[in-house]
C-alpha cells in the first residue's frame, strides 16, 4: 500500500444574499444532467469532438458547469435538532475533466467538484465552501500540462462562486 500526504485548500465565500437566492443563481448558472446522461451520450457519438459539442451545447452553460447531483443535508439534520439548510452540490463537465484526466487518471478522484451551500445562522445570508481543485489534483509530481489544466478548473470554479455570491451578479 502506498500513501501520500497532501494538503487541500478550503475556500469559503460568505454573502449577505439569502440561501434561496444563491441556490437560484447556482441553478441559473449551471446546466443540469445526470452522470448517466454523460455516459449515454458517450455511447452515441463517434469521437471526442462530437461528444464535446453535444455536452457543451445541450447540457453546459457559459460557466462550463453541469449540476449532476445534490445532497440535501438540511433535510435529515433536523431530526437531530440541527435546523440549518445545507446542500452539497456535485458539478462538473466531462469536457473539463478530460483535460486533467488525460495527464493523470488519478485526477478522476476529484472531478466532478463539490460545493457546500449553507445558510448562515438565523438566515442572515449564506456561505459557499469548496476545496480548490488544484490543491487536490496537482500535487507534488504533477506535470506542467496537468497543472495548467487544473488551473483552468480553479479559475472557472472561483468565477462561478463569485457570480452566485456577489451582490448585483448572477442575473441572466
N, C-alpha and C. Protein backbone atom coordinates (compact mmCIF):
# COMPACT_ATOMS: atom_id res chain seq x y z
N UNK A 1 0.85 -1.17 0.00
CA UNK A 1 0.00 0.00 0.00
C UNK A 1 0.89 1.24 0.00
N UNK A 2 0.50 2.20 -0.82
CA UNK A 2 1.22 3.46 -0.92
C UNK A 2 0.33 4.57 -0.38
N UNK A 3 0.87 5.42 0.45
CA UNK A 3 0.12 6.57 0.93
C UNK A 3 0.89 7.84 0.62
N UNK A 4 0.14 8.88 0.32
CA UNK A 4 0.74 10.19 0.04
C UNK A 4 -0.04 11.23 0.83
N UNK A 5 0.67 12.02 1.59
CA UNK A 5 0.01 13.08 2.34
C UNK A 5 0.05 14.37 1.53
N UNK A 6 -1.07 15.08 1.53
CA UNK A 6 -1.11 16.38 0.87
C UNK A 6 -2.12 17.25 1.60
N UNK A 7 -2.09 18.51 1.31
CA UNK A 7 -2.96 19.47 1.98
C UNK A 7 -3.91 20.09 0.98
N UNK A 8 -5.20 19.95 1.23
CA UNK A 8 -6.20 20.60 0.40
C UNK A 8 -6.44 22.02 0.90
N UNK A 9 -6.85 22.89 0.01
CA UNK A 9 -7.12 24.28 0.36
C UNK A 9 -8.62 24.52 0.30
N UNK A 10 -9.21 24.80 1.46
CA UNK A 10 -10.64 25.09 1.54
C UNK A 10 -10.86 26.57 1.28
N UNK A 11 -11.86 26.86 0.47
CA UNK A 11 -12.23 28.24 0.15
C UNK A 11 -13.67 28.44 0.62
N UNK A 12 -13.89 29.46 1.44
CA UNK A 12 -15.24 29.76 1.89
C UNK A 12 -15.57 31.20 1.53
N UNK A 13 -16.69 31.36 0.86
CA UNK A 13 -17.16 32.69 0.46
C UNK A 13 -18.49 32.94 1.15
N UNK A 14 -18.53 33.99 1.95
CA UNK A 14 -19.76 34.37 2.64
C UNK A 14 -20.44 35.50 1.88
N UNK A 15 -21.76 35.50 1.93
CA UNK A 15 -22.54 36.53 1.25
C UNK A 15 -23.75 36.91 2.10
N UNK A 16 -24.19 38.13 1.96
CA UNK A 16 -25.42 38.55 2.64
C UNK A 16 -26.66 38.11 1.85
N UNK A 17 -26.44 37.59 0.65
CA UNK A 17 -27.57 37.06 -0.14
C UNK A 17 -28.17 35.86 0.58
N UNK A 18 -29.46 35.66 0.40
CA UNK A 18 -30.13 34.54 1.06
C UNK A 18 -29.71 33.21 0.45
N UNK A 19 -29.91 32.17 1.23
CA UNK A 19 -29.68 30.80 0.78
C UNK A 19 -30.46 30.53 -0.50
N UNK A 20 -31.73 30.96 -0.52
CA UNK A 20 -32.58 30.73 -1.69
C UNK A 20 -32.05 31.47 -2.92
N UNK A 21 -31.59 32.71 -2.73
CA UNK A 21 -31.06 33.48 -3.86
C UNK A 21 -29.80 32.83 -4.41
N UNK A 22 -28.91 32.38 -3.54
CA UNK A 22 -27.68 31.73 -4.02
C UNK A 22 -28.02 30.43 -4.73
N UNK A 23 -28.98 29.69 -4.19
CA UNK A 23 -29.41 28.44 -4.84
C UNK A 23 -29.95 28.73 -6.24
N UNK A 24 -30.80 29.74 -6.36
CA UNK A 24 -31.36 30.09 -7.67
C UNK A 24 -30.27 30.52 -8.64
N UNK A 25 -29.31 31.29 -8.17
CA UNK A 25 -28.21 31.72 -9.03
C UNK A 25 -27.38 30.53 -9.49
N UNK A 26 -27.13 29.60 -8.59
CA UNK A 26 -26.37 28.40 -8.96
C UNK A 26 -27.13 27.62 -10.03
N UNK A 27 -28.42 27.47 -9.85
CA UNK A 27 -29.22 26.73 -10.82
C UNK A 27 -29.26 27.43 -12.18
N UNK A 28 -29.33 28.75 -12.18
CA UNK A 28 -29.33 29.50 -13.45
C UNK A 28 -27.95 29.47 -14.12
N UNK A 29 -26.91 29.38 -13.33
CA UNK A 29 -25.54 29.48 -13.86
C UNK A 29 -24.96 28.15 -14.29
N UNK A 30 -25.68 27.06 -14.05
CA UNK A 30 -25.17 25.73 -14.39
C UNK A 30 -26.23 24.94 -15.14
N UNK A 31 -25.77 24.00 -15.93
CA UNK A 31 -26.69 23.09 -16.60
C UNK A 31 -27.12 22.00 -15.63
N UNK A 32 -27.98 21.10 -16.09
CA UNK A 32 -28.48 20.01 -15.26
C UNK A 32 -28.47 18.73 -16.08
N UNK A 33 -27.87 17.69 -15.54
CA UNK A 33 -27.86 16.38 -16.18
C UNK A 33 -27.49 15.35 -15.13
N UNK A 34 -27.61 14.09 -15.49
CA UNK A 34 -27.14 13.03 -14.61
C UNK A 34 -25.83 12.49 -15.18
N UNK A 35 -25.10 11.79 -14.35
CA UNK A 35 -23.88 11.14 -14.85
C UNK A 35 -24.25 10.09 -15.89
N UNK A 36 -25.41 9.48 -15.73
CA UNK A 36 -25.89 8.51 -16.73
C UNK A 36 -26.11 9.18 -18.07
N UNK A 37 -26.57 10.43 -18.08
CA UNK A 37 -26.71 11.18 -19.34
C UNK A 37 -25.36 11.29 -20.04
N UNK A 38 -24.32 11.57 -19.27
CA UNK A 38 -22.98 11.74 -19.85
C UNK A 38 -22.49 10.42 -20.46
N UNK A 39 -22.77 9.32 -19.77
CA UNK A 39 -22.37 8.00 -20.27
C UNK A 39 -23.19 7.63 -21.51
N UNK A 40 -24.49 7.92 -21.48
CA UNK A 40 -25.35 7.62 -22.63
C UNK A 40 -24.86 8.35 -23.87
N UNK A 41 -24.57 9.65 -23.74
CA UNK A 41 -24.08 10.43 -24.88
C UNK A 41 -22.78 9.84 -25.40
N UNK A 42 -21.89 9.41 -24.51
CA UNK A 42 -20.61 8.82 -24.94
C UNK A 42 -20.84 7.59 -25.81
N UNK A 43 -21.88 6.82 -25.51
CA UNK A 43 -22.19 5.64 -26.30
C UNK A 43 -22.84 5.94 -27.64
N UNK A 44 -23.27 7.18 -27.84
CA UNK A 44 -23.98 7.56 -29.06
C UNK A 44 -23.13 8.33 -30.06
N UNK A 45 -21.91 8.70 -29.69
CA UNK A 45 -21.09 9.54 -30.56
C UNK A 45 -19.93 8.75 -31.16
N UNK A 46 -19.32 9.35 -32.18
CA UNK A 46 -18.21 8.69 -32.87
C UNK A 46 -16.84 9.08 -32.33
N UNK A 47 -16.74 10.27 -31.72
CA UNK A 47 -15.42 10.73 -31.26
C UNK A 47 -15.55 11.81 -30.19
N UNK A 48 -14.41 12.20 -29.64
CA UNK A 48 -14.38 13.20 -28.57
C UNK A 48 -14.89 14.56 -28.99
N UNK A 49 -14.60 14.96 -30.22
CA UNK A 49 -15.07 16.27 -30.68
C UNK A 49 -16.60 16.33 -30.70
N UNK A 50 -17.21 15.26 -31.19
CA UNK A 50 -18.68 15.21 -31.24
C UNK A 50 -19.25 15.19 -29.82
N UNK A 51 -18.60 14.43 -28.94
CA UNK A 51 -19.03 14.37 -27.54
C UNK A 51 -18.96 15.75 -26.89
N UNK A 52 -17.83 16.43 -27.07
CA UNK A 52 -17.65 17.78 -26.50
C UNK A 52 -18.75 18.72 -26.98
N UNK A 53 -19.03 18.68 -28.27
CA UNK A 53 -20.04 19.57 -28.85
C UNK A 53 -21.41 19.32 -28.23
N UNK A 54 -21.80 18.05 -28.14
CA UNK A 54 -23.12 17.72 -27.59
C UNK A 54 -23.21 18.10 -26.11
N UNK A 55 -22.20 17.75 -25.35
CA UNK A 55 -22.22 18.06 -23.91
C UNK A 55 -22.30 19.56 -23.69
N UNK A 56 -21.46 20.31 -24.38
CA UNK A 56 -21.44 21.76 -24.17
C UNK A 56 -22.65 22.47 -24.75
N UNK A 57 -23.19 21.97 -25.85
CA UNK A 57 -24.37 22.60 -26.46
C UNK A 57 -25.67 22.25 -25.73
N UNK A 58 -25.78 21.00 -25.28
CA UNK A 58 -27.05 20.55 -24.71
C UNK A 58 -27.13 20.59 -23.19
N UNK A 59 -25.99 20.55 -22.51
CA UNK A 59 -26.03 20.42 -21.06
C UNK A 59 -25.33 21.55 -20.29
N UNK A 60 -24.25 22.05 -20.80
CA UNK A 60 -23.47 23.06 -20.07
C UNK A 60 -24.03 24.46 -20.32
N UNK A 61 -23.63 25.37 -19.49
CA UNK A 61 -23.96 26.79 -19.64
C UNK A 61 -22.65 27.53 -19.86
N UNK A 62 -22.68 28.84 -20.07
CA UNK A 62 -21.42 29.57 -20.26
C UNK A 62 -20.41 29.39 -19.11
N UNK A 63 -20.89 29.06 -17.91
CA UNK A 63 -19.96 28.82 -16.80
C UNK A 63 -19.10 27.58 -17.05
N UNK A 64 -19.60 26.68 -17.92
CA UNK A 64 -18.90 25.43 -18.19
C UNK A 64 -19.34 24.29 -17.30
N UNK A 65 -20.18 24.57 -16.30
CA UNK A 65 -20.54 23.54 -15.33
C UNK A 65 -21.94 22.97 -15.55
N UNK A 66 -22.05 21.70 -15.13
CA UNK A 66 -23.30 20.95 -15.17
C UNK A 66 -23.52 20.41 -13.76
N UNK A 67 -24.73 20.60 -13.22
CA UNK A 67 -25.07 20.02 -11.92
C UNK A 67 -25.45 18.56 -12.13
N UNK A 68 -24.76 17.67 -11.42
CA UNK A 68 -25.04 16.24 -11.55
C UNK A 68 -25.89 15.72 -10.40
N UNK A 69 -25.72 16.29 -9.22
CA UNK A 69 -26.45 15.78 -8.05
C UNK A 69 -26.41 16.80 -6.93
N UNK A 70 -27.29 16.58 -5.99
CA UNK A 70 -27.27 17.38 -4.77
C UNK A 70 -27.60 16.47 -3.60
N UNK A 71 -27.00 16.77 -2.47
CA UNK A 71 -27.27 16.05 -1.23
C UNK A 71 -27.80 17.08 -0.25
N UNK A 72 -29.07 16.97 0.09
CA UNK A 72 -29.70 17.94 0.97
C UNK A 72 -29.50 17.51 2.43
N UNK A 73 -28.38 17.91 3.01
CA UNK A 73 -28.10 17.55 4.40
C UNK A 73 -29.12 18.16 5.35
N UNK A 74 -29.58 19.36 5.04
CA UNK A 74 -30.56 20.02 5.90
C UNK A 74 -31.83 19.22 6.08
N UNK A 75 -32.20 18.43 5.08
CA UNK A 75 -33.43 17.65 5.14
C UNK A 75 -33.38 16.57 6.22
N UNK A 76 -32.21 16.03 6.50
CA UNK A 76 -32.13 14.99 7.52
C UNK A 76 -31.52 15.48 8.83
N UNK A 77 -30.77 16.58 8.80
CA UNK A 77 -30.16 17.08 10.03
C UNK A 77 -31.19 17.52 11.06
N UNK A 78 -32.37 17.91 10.59
CA UNK A 78 -33.40 18.39 11.51
C UNK A 78 -33.83 17.33 12.52
N UNK A 79 -33.72 16.05 12.18
CA UNK A 79 -34.10 15.01 13.14
C UNK A 79 -33.14 14.99 14.33
N UNK A 80 -31.99 15.62 14.20
CA UNK A 80 -31.02 15.73 15.29
C UNK A 80 -31.05 17.11 15.93
N UNK A 81 -32.06 17.90 15.58
CA UNK A 81 -32.20 19.21 16.19
C UNK A 81 -31.37 20.29 15.52
N UNK A 82 -30.74 19.97 14.40
CA UNK A 82 -29.94 20.95 13.67
C UNK A 82 -30.83 21.55 12.59
N UNK A 83 -31.20 22.78 12.77
CA UNK A 83 -32.12 23.46 11.85
C UNK A 83 -31.34 24.47 11.03
N UNK A 84 -30.65 23.95 10.06
CA UNK A 84 -29.83 24.81 9.20
C UNK A 84 -29.82 24.22 7.81
N UNK A 85 -30.22 25.01 6.85
CA UNK A 85 -30.23 24.50 5.48
C UNK A 85 -28.80 24.38 4.97
N UNK A 86 -28.49 23.22 4.46
CA UNK A 86 -27.17 22.99 3.88
C UNK A 86 -27.28 21.92 2.80
N UNK A 87 -26.76 22.25 1.63
CA UNK A 87 -26.85 21.35 0.47
C UNK A 87 -25.47 21.21 -0.16
N UNK A 88 -25.10 19.98 -0.41
CA UNK A 88 -23.85 19.67 -1.11
C UNK A 88 -24.20 19.47 -2.58
N UNK A 89 -23.57 20.26 -3.44
CA UNK A 89 -23.80 20.19 -4.88
C UNK A 89 -22.61 19.53 -5.55
N UNK A 90 -22.88 18.62 -6.47
CA UNK A 90 -21.83 17.96 -7.25
C UNK A 90 -21.96 18.45 -8.68
N UNK A 91 -20.90 19.08 -9.17
CA UNK A 91 -20.96 19.67 -10.50
C UNK A 91 -19.63 19.53 -11.21
N UNK A 92 -19.71 19.52 -12.52
CA UNK A 92 -18.51 19.39 -13.33
C UNK A 92 -18.88 19.43 -14.79
N UNK A 93 -18.01 18.85 -15.59
CA UNK A 93 -18.23 18.76 -17.02
C UNK A 93 -17.18 17.78 -17.54
N UNK A 94 -17.58 16.69 -18.18
CA UNK A 94 -16.59 15.74 -18.66
C UNK A 94 -15.59 16.36 -19.64
N UNK A 95 -16.02 17.42 -20.35
CA UNK A 95 -15.09 18.05 -21.29
C UNK A 95 -14.01 18.85 -20.56
N UNK A 96 -14.27 19.25 -19.33
CA UNK A 96 -13.24 19.84 -18.48
C UNK A 96 -12.42 18.75 -17.81
N UNK A 97 -13.10 17.72 -17.32
CA UNK A 97 -12.43 16.63 -16.61
C UNK A 97 -11.36 15.97 -17.47
N UNK A 98 -11.65 15.75 -18.73
CA UNK A 98 -10.70 15.06 -19.59
C UNK A 98 -9.40 15.85 -19.77
N UNK A 99 -9.47 17.17 -19.65
CA UNK A 99 -8.25 17.97 -19.80
C UNK A 99 -7.25 17.66 -18.70
N UNK A 100 -7.72 17.13 -17.58
CA UNK A 100 -6.84 16.75 -16.47
C UNK A 100 -6.57 15.24 -16.48
N UNK A 101 -7.64 14.47 -16.65
CA UNK A 101 -7.52 13.01 -16.57
C UNK A 101 -6.59 12.47 -17.66
N UNK A 102 -6.53 13.14 -18.82
CA UNK A 102 -5.62 12.67 -19.87
C UNK A 102 -4.16 12.74 -19.41
N UNK A 103 -3.85 13.59 -18.44
CA UNK A 103 -2.48 13.71 -17.93
C UNK A 103 -2.24 12.87 -16.69
N UNK A 104 -3.32 12.58 -15.95
CA UNK A 104 -3.21 11.75 -14.74
C UNK A 104 -4.60 11.21 -14.43
N UNK A 105 -4.78 9.93 -14.64
CA UNK A 105 -6.10 9.31 -14.43
C UNK A 105 -6.56 9.47 -12.98
N UNK A 106 -5.63 9.64 -12.05
CA UNK A 106 -5.99 9.82 -10.65
C UNK A 106 -6.74 11.12 -10.39
N UNK A 107 -6.69 12.05 -11.33
CA UNK A 107 -7.47 13.28 -11.21
C UNK A 107 -8.96 12.96 -11.15
N UNK A 108 -9.34 11.80 -11.67
CA UNK A 108 -10.74 11.38 -11.64
C UNK A 108 -11.30 11.22 -10.24
N UNK A 109 -10.44 11.12 -9.24
CA UNK A 109 -10.92 11.04 -7.86
C UNK A 109 -11.53 12.37 -7.41
N UNK A 110 -11.12 13.47 -8.02
CA UNK A 110 -11.52 14.79 -7.55
C UNK A 110 -12.37 15.59 -8.54
N UNK A 111 -12.78 14.97 -9.62
CA UNK A 111 -13.74 15.57 -10.53
C UNK A 111 -14.88 14.57 -10.72
N UNK A 112 -16.12 15.00 -10.67
CA UNK A 112 -16.58 16.37 -10.57
C UNK A 112 -16.26 16.98 -9.21
N UNK A 113 -16.40 18.30 -9.14
CA UNK A 113 -16.11 19.04 -7.91
C UNK A 113 -17.37 19.16 -7.06
N UNK A 114 -17.20 19.66 -5.85
CA UNK A 114 -18.32 19.80 -4.93
C UNK A 114 -18.33 21.18 -4.31
N UNK A 115 -19.54 21.67 -4.06
CA UNK A 115 -19.75 22.91 -3.32
C UNK A 115 -20.67 22.59 -2.15
N UNK A 116 -20.45 23.22 -1.02
CA UNK A 116 -21.37 23.10 0.10
C UNK A 116 -21.98 24.47 0.34
N UNK A 117 -23.28 24.57 0.11
CA UNK A 117 -24.02 25.81 0.32
C UNK A 117 -24.74 25.71 1.66
N UNK A 118 -24.45 26.66 2.55
CA UNK A 118 -25.02 26.62 3.89
C UNK A 118 -25.66 27.96 4.23
N UNK A 119 -26.83 27.88 4.83
CA UNK A 119 -27.49 29.09 5.31
C UNK A 119 -26.82 29.53 6.60
N UNK A 120 -26.52 30.81 6.71
CA UNK A 120 -25.93 31.34 7.94
C UNK A 120 -26.96 31.30 9.06
N UNK A 121 -26.49 31.36 10.28
CA UNK A 121 -27.40 31.31 11.42
C UNK A 121 -28.44 32.42 11.32
N UNK A 122 -29.64 32.07 11.71
CA UNK A 122 -30.79 32.98 11.68
C UNK A 122 -31.10 33.50 10.28
N UNK A 123 -30.68 32.76 9.25
CA UNK A 123 -31.00 33.12 7.87
C UNK A 123 -30.34 34.39 7.38
N UNK A 124 -29.26 34.79 8.00
CA UNK A 124 -28.58 36.05 7.64
C UNK A 124 -27.51 35.81 6.58
N UNK A 125 -27.94 35.43 5.41
CA UNK A 125 -27.01 35.19 4.33
C UNK A 125 -26.67 33.72 4.18
N UNK A 126 -25.63 33.48 3.39
CA UNK A 126 -25.24 32.11 3.08
C UNK A 126 -23.72 32.05 2.90
N UNK A 127 -23.21 30.84 2.88
CA UNK A 127 -21.80 30.65 2.57
C UNK A 127 -21.66 29.50 1.58
N UNK A 128 -20.63 29.60 0.76
CA UNK A 128 -20.30 28.53 -0.18
C UNK A 128 -18.89 28.08 0.15
N UNK A 129 -18.75 26.79 0.36
CA UNK A 129 -17.46 26.20 0.72
C UNK A 129 -17.07 25.19 -0.35
N UNK A 130 -15.81 25.22 -0.75
CA UNK A 130 -15.30 24.20 -1.67
C UNK A 130 -13.81 24.01 -1.42
N UNK A 131 -13.28 22.95 -1.97
CA UNK A 131 -11.84 22.71 -1.90
C UNK A 131 -11.27 23.04 -3.27
N UNK A 132 -10.26 23.90 -3.29
CA UNK A 132 -9.65 24.31 -4.56
C UNK A 132 -9.14 23.06 -5.28
N UNK A 133 -9.64 22.79 -6.49
CA UNK A 133 -9.28 21.56 -7.19
C UNK A 133 -7.77 21.34 -7.34
N UNK A 134 -7.02 22.39 -7.63
CA UNK A 134 -5.58 22.21 -7.83
C UNK A 134 -4.89 21.69 -6.58
N UNK A 135 -5.43 21.99 -5.40
CA UNK A 135 -4.80 21.51 -4.17
C UNK A 135 -5.02 20.01 -3.96
N UNK A 136 -5.96 19.44 -4.69
CA UNK A 136 -6.23 18.00 -4.62
C UNK A 136 -5.62 17.24 -5.79
N UNK A 137 -5.62 17.86 -6.95
CA UNK A 137 -5.24 17.17 -8.19
C UNK A 137 -3.77 17.36 -8.53
N UNK A 138 -3.28 18.58 -8.48
CA UNK A 138 -1.91 18.88 -8.93
C UNK A 138 -0.96 18.86 -7.75
N UNK A 139 -0.73 17.67 -7.21
CA UNK A 139 0.19 17.54 -6.09
C UNK A 139 1.62 17.44 -6.60
N UNK A 140 2.55 17.18 -5.73
CA UNK A 140 3.99 17.28 -5.99
C UNK A 140 4.48 16.79 -7.35
N UNK A 141 4.02 15.64 -7.79
CA UNK A 141 4.56 15.05 -9.02
C UNK A 141 3.79 15.43 -10.28
N UNK A 142 2.88 16.36 -10.19
CA UNK A 142 2.04 16.73 -11.34
C UNK A 142 2.86 17.34 -12.46
N UNK A 143 2.49 16.99 -13.68
CA UNK A 143 3.16 17.54 -14.86
C UNK A 143 2.75 19.00 -15.08
N UNK A 144 3.51 19.68 -15.89
CA UNK A 144 3.20 21.07 -16.25
C UNK A 144 1.84 21.12 -16.93
N UNK A 145 1.55 20.15 -17.79
CA UNK A 145 0.28 20.12 -18.51
C UNK A 145 -0.91 19.94 -17.55
N UNK A 146 -0.75 19.06 -16.57
CA UNK A 146 -1.81 18.85 -15.59
C UNK A 146 -2.02 20.11 -14.76
N UNK A 147 -0.95 20.73 -14.34
CA UNK A 147 -1.06 21.96 -13.54
C UNK A 147 -1.80 23.05 -14.33
N UNK A 148 -1.50 23.16 -15.62
CA UNK A 148 -2.17 24.17 -16.45
C UNK A 148 -3.66 23.86 -16.59
N UNK A 149 -3.99 22.59 -16.79
CA UNK A 149 -5.40 22.20 -16.96
C UNK A 149 -6.19 22.43 -15.67
N UNK A 150 -5.62 22.09 -14.55
CA UNK A 150 -6.36 22.25 -13.29
C UNK A 150 -6.46 23.72 -12.89
N UNK A 151 -5.53 24.53 -13.33
CA UNK A 151 -5.61 25.97 -13.08
C UNK A 151 -6.86 26.55 -13.76
N UNK A 152 -7.17 26.04 -14.95
CA UNK A 152 -8.39 26.48 -15.65
C UNK A 152 -9.62 26.11 -14.83
N UNK A 153 -9.64 24.90 -14.27
CA UNK A 153 -10.77 24.49 -13.43
C UNK A 153 -10.87 25.38 -12.19
N UNK A 154 -9.73 25.65 -11.55
CA UNK A 154 -9.73 26.57 -10.39
C UNK A 154 -10.39 27.90 -10.75
N UNK A 155 -9.98 28.45 -11.88
CA UNK A 155 -10.49 29.76 -12.30
C UNK A 155 -11.98 29.72 -12.61
N UNK A 156 -12.43 28.66 -13.29
CA UNK A 156 -13.85 28.54 -13.61
C UNK A 156 -14.70 28.37 -12.35
N UNK A 157 -14.22 27.56 -11.41
CA UNK A 157 -14.97 27.34 -10.18
C UNK A 157 -15.02 28.61 -9.34
N UNK A 158 -13.90 29.29 -9.23
CA UNK A 158 -13.85 30.55 -8.49
C UNK A 158 -14.79 31.59 -9.11
N UNK A 159 -14.80 31.67 -10.44
CA UNK A 159 -15.68 32.62 -11.13
C UNK A 159 -17.15 32.28 -10.89
N UNK A 160 -17.48 31.00 -10.91
CA UNK A 160 -18.86 30.58 -10.65
C UNK A 160 -19.28 30.99 -9.24
N UNK A 161 -18.44 30.69 -8.26
CA UNK A 161 -18.77 31.02 -6.87
C UNK A 161 -18.88 32.53 -6.70
N UNK A 162 -17.97 33.27 -7.30
CA UNK A 162 -18.06 34.74 -7.24
C UNK A 162 -19.38 35.23 -7.83
N UNK A 163 -19.78 34.64 -8.95
CA UNK A 163 -21.01 35.06 -9.63
C UNK A 163 -22.25 34.78 -8.79
N UNK A 164 -22.30 33.63 -8.14
CA UNK A 164 -23.52 33.27 -7.41
C UNK A 164 -23.59 33.92 -6.03
N UNK A 165 -22.48 34.48 -5.55
CA UNK A 165 -22.49 35.08 -4.21
C UNK A 165 -22.39 36.60 -4.21
N UNK A 166 -22.07 37.21 -5.34
CA UNK A 166 -21.85 38.66 -5.39
C UNK A 166 -23.16 39.42 -5.56
N UNK A 167 -23.29 40.49 -4.82
CA UNK A 167 -24.47 41.36 -4.99
C UNK A 167 -24.42 41.98 -6.38
N UNK A 168 -25.55 41.99 -7.05
CA UNK A 168 -25.62 42.57 -8.38
C UNK A 168 -25.20 41.62 -9.48
N UNK A 169 -24.65 40.47 -9.12
CA UNK A 169 -24.23 39.47 -10.11
C UNK A 169 -25.30 38.40 -10.20
N UNK A 170 -25.04 37.41 -11.02
CA UNK A 170 -25.93 36.27 -11.11
C UNK A 170 -27.22 36.52 -11.86
N UNK A 171 -27.31 37.64 -12.51
CA UNK A 171 -28.52 37.94 -13.27
C UNK A 171 -28.35 37.44 -14.70
N UNK A 172 -29.41 36.85 -15.26
CA UNK A 172 -29.29 36.36 -16.64
C UNK A 172 -29.12 37.49 -17.63
